PDB file of N, CA and C in Angstrom:
ATOM      1  N   MET A   1      -8.937 146.449 -13.027  1.00  0.00           N
ATOM      2  CA  MET A   1      -7.408 146.580 -12.801  1.00  0.00           C
ATOM      3  C   MET A   1      -6.579 146.674 -11.303  1.00  0.00           C
ATOM      4  N   VAL A   2      -5.928 145.737 -10.923  1.00  0.00           N
ATOM      5  CA  VAL A   2      -4.837 145.447 -10.223  1.00  0.00           C
ATOM      6  C   VAL A   2      -3.960 146.822 -10.523  1.00  0.00           C
ATOM      7  N   GLU A   3      -3.624 147.114  -9.023  1.00  0.00           N
ATOM      8  CA  GLU A   3      -1.963 148.567  -8.998  1.00  0.00           C
ATOM      9  C   GLU A   3      -1.808 148.213  -8.106  1.00  0.00           C
ATOM     10  N   ASP A   4      -1.755 146.656  -7.276  1.00  0.00           N
ATOM     11  CA  ASP A   4      -1.272 146.976  -6.320  1.00  0.00           C
ATOM     12  C   ASP A   4       0.361 146.317  -6.418  1.00  0.00           C
ATOM     13  N   PHE A   5       1.474 146.454  -5.406  1.00  0.00           N
ATOM     14  CA  PHE A   5       2.716 146.553  -5.905  1.00  0.00           C
ATOM     15  C   PHE A   5       2.485 144.624  -5.130  1.00  0.00           C
ATOM     16  N   VAL A   6       3.477 144.289  -6.158  1.00  0.00           N
ATOM     17  CA  VAL A   6       3.812 142.713  -6.013  1.00  0.00           C
ATOM     18  C   VAL A   6       5.040 142.247  -6.047  1.00  0.00           C
ATOM     19  N   ASN A   7       5.747 140.983  -5.633  1.00  0.00           N
ATOM     20  CA  ASN A   7       6.847 141.172  -5.815  1.00  0.00           C
ATOM     21  C   ASN A   7       7.000 139.663  -6.460  1.00  0.00           C
ATOM     22  N   LEU A   8       8.063 139.144  -7.361  1.00  0.00           N
ATOM     23  CA  LEU A   8       8.051 137.854  -8.146  1.00  0.00           C
ATOM     24  C   LEU A   8       8.193 136.608  -7.186  1.00  0.00           C
ATOM     25  N   MET A   9       8.132 136.677  -6.104  1.00  0.00           N
ATOM     26  CA  MET A   9       8.354 135.324  -5.215  1.00  0.00           C
ATOM     27  C   MET A   9       6.992 134.915  -4.730  1.00  0.00           C
ATOM     28  N   ASP A  10       6.018 136.048  -5.308  1.00  0.00           N
ATOM     29  CA  ASP A  10       4.763 136.192  -4.474  1.00  0.00           C
ATOM     30  C   ASP A  10       4.020 134.952  -5.837  1.00  0.00           C
ATOM     31  N   LEU A  11       4.441 134.831  -6.817  1.00  0.00           N
ATOM     32  CA  LEU A  11       3.986 134.303  -8.089  1.00  0.00           C
ATOM     33  C   LEU A  11       4.061 132.916  -7.730  1.00  0.00           C
ATOM     34  N   ALA A  12       5.001 131.936  -7.441  1.00  0.00           N
ATOM     35  CA  ALA A  12       4.769 130.485  -7.044  1.00  0.00           C
ATOM     36  C   ALA A  12       3.604 130.442  -6.263  1.00  0.00           C
ATOM     37  N   PRO A  13       3.452 130.791  -4.998  1.00  0.00           N
ATOM     38  CA  PRO A  13       2.467 130.379  -4.095  1.00  0.00           C
ATOM     39  C   PRO A  13       1.071 130.936  -4.606  1.00  0.00           C
ATOM     40  N   THR A  14       0.960 131.688  -5.574  1.00  0.00           N
ATOM     41  CA  THR A  14      -0.207 132.087  -6.433  1.00  0.00           C
ATOM     42  C   THR A  14      -0.431 130.905  -7.379  1.00  0.00           C
ATOM     43  N   PHE A  15       0.216 130.663  -8.091  1.00  0.00           N
ATOM     44  CA  PHE A  15       0.471 129.465  -9.241  1.00  0.00           C
ATOM     45  C   PHE A  15      -0.107 127.853  -8.353  1.00  0.00           C
ATOM     46  N   LEU A  16       0.618 127.942  -7.362  1.00  0.00           N
ATOM     47  CA  LEU A  16       0.184 127.040  -6.777  1.00  0.00           C
ATOM     48  C   LEU A  16      -1.166 126.894  -6.342  1.00  0.00           C
ATOM     49  N   GLU A  17      -1.272 127.910  -5.338  1.00  0.00           N
ATOM     50  CA  GLU A  17      -3.203 128.355  -5.214  1.00  0.00           C
ATOM     51  C   GLU A  17      -3.949 127.645  -6.031  1.00  0.00           C
ATOM     52  N   VAL A  18      -4.000 128.579  -7.167  1.00  0.00           N
ATOM     53  CA  VAL A  18      -4.835 128.365  -8.300  1.00  0.00           C
ATOM     54  C   VAL A  18      -4.603 127.145  -9.067  1.00  0.00           C
ATOM     55  N   ALA A  19      -3.988 126.203  -8.830  1.00  0.00           N
ATOM     56  CA  ALA A  19      -3.495 124.529  -8.893  1.00  0.00           C
ATOM     57  C   ALA A  19      -4.108 123.824  -8.172  1.00  0.00           C
ATOM     58  N   GLY A  20      -4.335 124.488  -6.863  1.00  0.00           N
ATOM     59  CA  GLY A  20      -4.964 123.464  -5.905  1.00  0.00           C
ATOM     60  C   GLY A  20      -4.231 122.961  -5.149  1.00  0.00           C
ATOM     61  N   VAL A  21      -3.004 123.201  -5.145  1.00  0.00           N
ATOM     62  CA  VAL A  21      -1.654 122.664  -4.692  1.00  0.00           C
ATOM     63  C   VAL A  21      -0.989 123.450  -3.447  1.00  0.00           C
ATOM     64  N   PRO A  22      -1.352 122.285  -2.669  1.00  0.00           N
ATOM     65  CA  PRO A  22      -0.446 123.227  -1.538  1.00  0.00           C
ATOM     66  C   PRO A  22       0.760 123.412  -1.379  1.00  0.00           C
ATOM     67  N   ALA A  23       0.974 124.879  -0.627  1.00  0.00           N
ATOM     68  CA  ALA A  23       2.566 125.557  -0.733  1.00  0.00           C
ATOM     69  C   ALA A  23       3.176 124.272  -0.111  1.00  0.00           C
ATOM     70  N   PRO A  24       4.317 124.191  -0.207  1.00  0.00           N
ATOM     71  CA  PRO A  24       5.301 123.564   0.619  1.00  0.00           C
ATOM     72  C   PRO A  24       5.797 124.584   1.843  1.00  0.00           C
ATOM     73  N   SER A  25       6.112 124.245   2.896  1.00  0.00           N
ATOM     74  CA  SER A  25       6.631 125.024   4.092  1.00  0.00           C
ATOM     75  C   SER A  25       7.959 125.409   3.506  1.00  0.00           C
ATOM     76  N   GLY A  26       7.720 126.580   3.879  1.00  0.00           N
ATOM     77  CA  GLY A  26       9.478 127.621   3.928  1.00  0.00           C
ATOM     78  C   GLY A  26       9.540 128.453   2.619  1.00  0.00           C
ATOM     79  N   LEU A  27       8.516 127.753   1.743  1.00  0.00           N
ATOM     80  CA  LEU A  27       7.859 128.613   0.411  1.00  0.00           C
ATOM     81  C   LEU A  27       8.102 130.168   0.915  1.00  0.00           C
ATOM     82  N   ALA A  28       9.395 131.106   0.082  1.00  0.00           N
ATOM     83  CA  ALA A  28       9.023 132.175   0.400  1.00  0.00           C
ATOM     84  C   ALA A  28       7.546 133.028  -0.498  1.00  0.00           C
ATOM     85  N   GLY A  29       7.391 134.013  -0.045  1.00  0.00           N
ATOM     86  CA  GLY A  29       6.335 135.042  -0.643  1.00  0.00           C
ATOM     87  C   GLY A  29       4.909 134.607  -0.090  1.00  0.00           C
ATOM     88  N   ARG A  30       3.821 134.903  -0.854  1.00  0.00           N
ATOM     89  CA  ARG A  30       2.341 134.539  -0.338  1.00  0.00           C
ATOM     90  C   ARG A  30       1.533 134.716  -1.811  1.00  0.00           C
ATOM     91  N   SER A  31       0.421 133.953  -1.572  1.00  0.00           N
ATOM     92  CA  SER A  31      -0.512 133.764  -2.651  1.00  0.00           C
ATOM     93  C   SER A  31      -0.978 135.380  -3.175  1.00  0.00           C
ATOM     94  N   LEU A  32      -0.903 135.716  -4.102  1.00  0.00           N
ATOM     95  CA  LEU A  32      -1.563 137.311  -4.258  1.00  0.00           C
ATOM     96  C   LEU A  32      -3.646 136.503  -5.034  1.00  0.00           C
ATOM     97  N   VAL A  33      -3.912 135.772  -5.037  1.00  0.00           N
ATOM     98  CA  VAL A  33      -5.180 135.644  -5.225  1.00  0.00           C
ATOM     99  C   VAL A  33      -6.044 136.041  -4.680  1.00  0.00           C
ATOM    100  N   PRO A  34      -6.284 136.708  -3.299  1.00  0.00           N
ATOM    101  CA  PRO A  34      -7.088 137.343  -2.527  1.00  0.00           C
ATOM    102  C   PRO A  34      -7.184 138.584  -2.885  1.00  0.00           C
ATOM    103  N   VAL A  35      -5.776 139.445  -3.871  1.00  0.00           N
ATOM    104  CA  VAL A  35      -5.762 140.546  -4.225  1.00  0.00           C
ATOM    105  C   VAL A  35      -6.700 140.568  -5.345  1.00  0.00           C
ATOM    106  N   LEU A  36      -6.338 139.425  -6.106  1.00  0.00           N
ATOM    107  CA  LEU A  36      -6.760 139.321  -7.721  1.00  0.00           C
ATOM    108  C   LEU A  36      -8.376 139.764  -7.598  1.00  0.00           C
ATOM    109  N   GLN A  37      -8.577 138.893  -6.107  1.00  0.00           N
ATOM    110  CA  GLN A  37     -10.370 138.733  -6.254  1.00  0.00           C
ATOM    111  C   GLN A  37     -10.981 139.940  -5.204  1.00  0.00           C
ATOM    112  N   SER A  38     -10.240 140.704  -4.837  1.00  0.00           N
ATOM    113  CA  SER A  38     -10.999 141.347  -4.024  1.00  0.00           C
ATOM    114  C   SER A  38     -11.548 143.101  -5.182  1.00  0.00           C
ATOM    115  N   PRO A  39     -12.045 143.437  -4.241  1.00  0.00           N
ATOM    116  CA  PRO A  39     -12.863 144.576  -5.408  1.00  0.00           C
ATOM    117  C   PRO A  39     -12.589 145.954  -4.796  1.00  0.00           C
ATOM    118  N   ALA A  40     -11.663 145.699  -3.434  1.00  0.00           N
ATOM    119  CA  ALA A  40     -10.921 146.888  -2.910  1.00  0.00           C
ATOM    120  C   ALA A  40      -9.388 147.012  -3.495  1.00  0.00           C
ATOM    121  N   GLY A  41      -8.567 148.224  -4.035  1.00  0.00           N
ATOM    122  CA  GLY A  41      -7.660 148.471  -4.234  1.00  0.00           C
ATOM    123  C   GLY A  41      -6.608 148.578  -3.184  1.00  0.00           C
ATOM    124  N   GLY A  42      -5.526 148.864  -3.315  1.00  0.00           N
ATOM    125  CA  GLY A  42      -4.183 149.123  -2.462  1.00  0.00           C
ATOM    126  C   GLY A  42      -4.279 147.892  -0.988  1.00  0.00           C
ATOM    127  N   LEU A  43      -4.224 146.364  -1.568  1.00  0.00           N
ATOM    128  CA  LEU A  43      -3.876 145.552  -0.729  1.00  0.00           C
ATOM    129  C   LEU A  43      -5.466 145.228   0.210  1.00  0.00           C
ATOM    130  N   GLY A  44      -6.030 145.327  -0.856  1.00  0.00           N
ATOM    131  CA  GLY A  44      -7.519 145.070  -0.277  1.00  0.00           C
ATOM    132  C   GLY A  44      -7.672 143.833   0.289  1.00  0.00           C
ATOM    133  N   GLY A  45      -7.227 142.908  -0.512  1.00  0.00           N
ATOM    134  CA  GLY A  45      -7.413 141.524   0.103  1.00  0.00           C
ATOM    135  C   GLY A  45      -6.096 140.921   0.823  1.00  0.00           C
ATOM    136  N   LEU A  46      -5.569 141.568   0.853  1.00  0.00           N
ATOM    137  CA  LEU A  46      -4.482 141.173   2.114  1.00  0.00           C
ATOM    138  C   LEU A  46      -4.306 141.110   3.381  1.00  0.00           C
TER     139      LEU A  46
END
């Protein structure tokens, strides 16, 4: 279970990374893929 805090603006970069599409420059937020793949909690993947 992932209990890290996230922000809604992180969803677009996450979906783009999962889809294999490069994020456009200036896109707010960052991908949550490292957090979702990390075995550590507490921002372990960032």
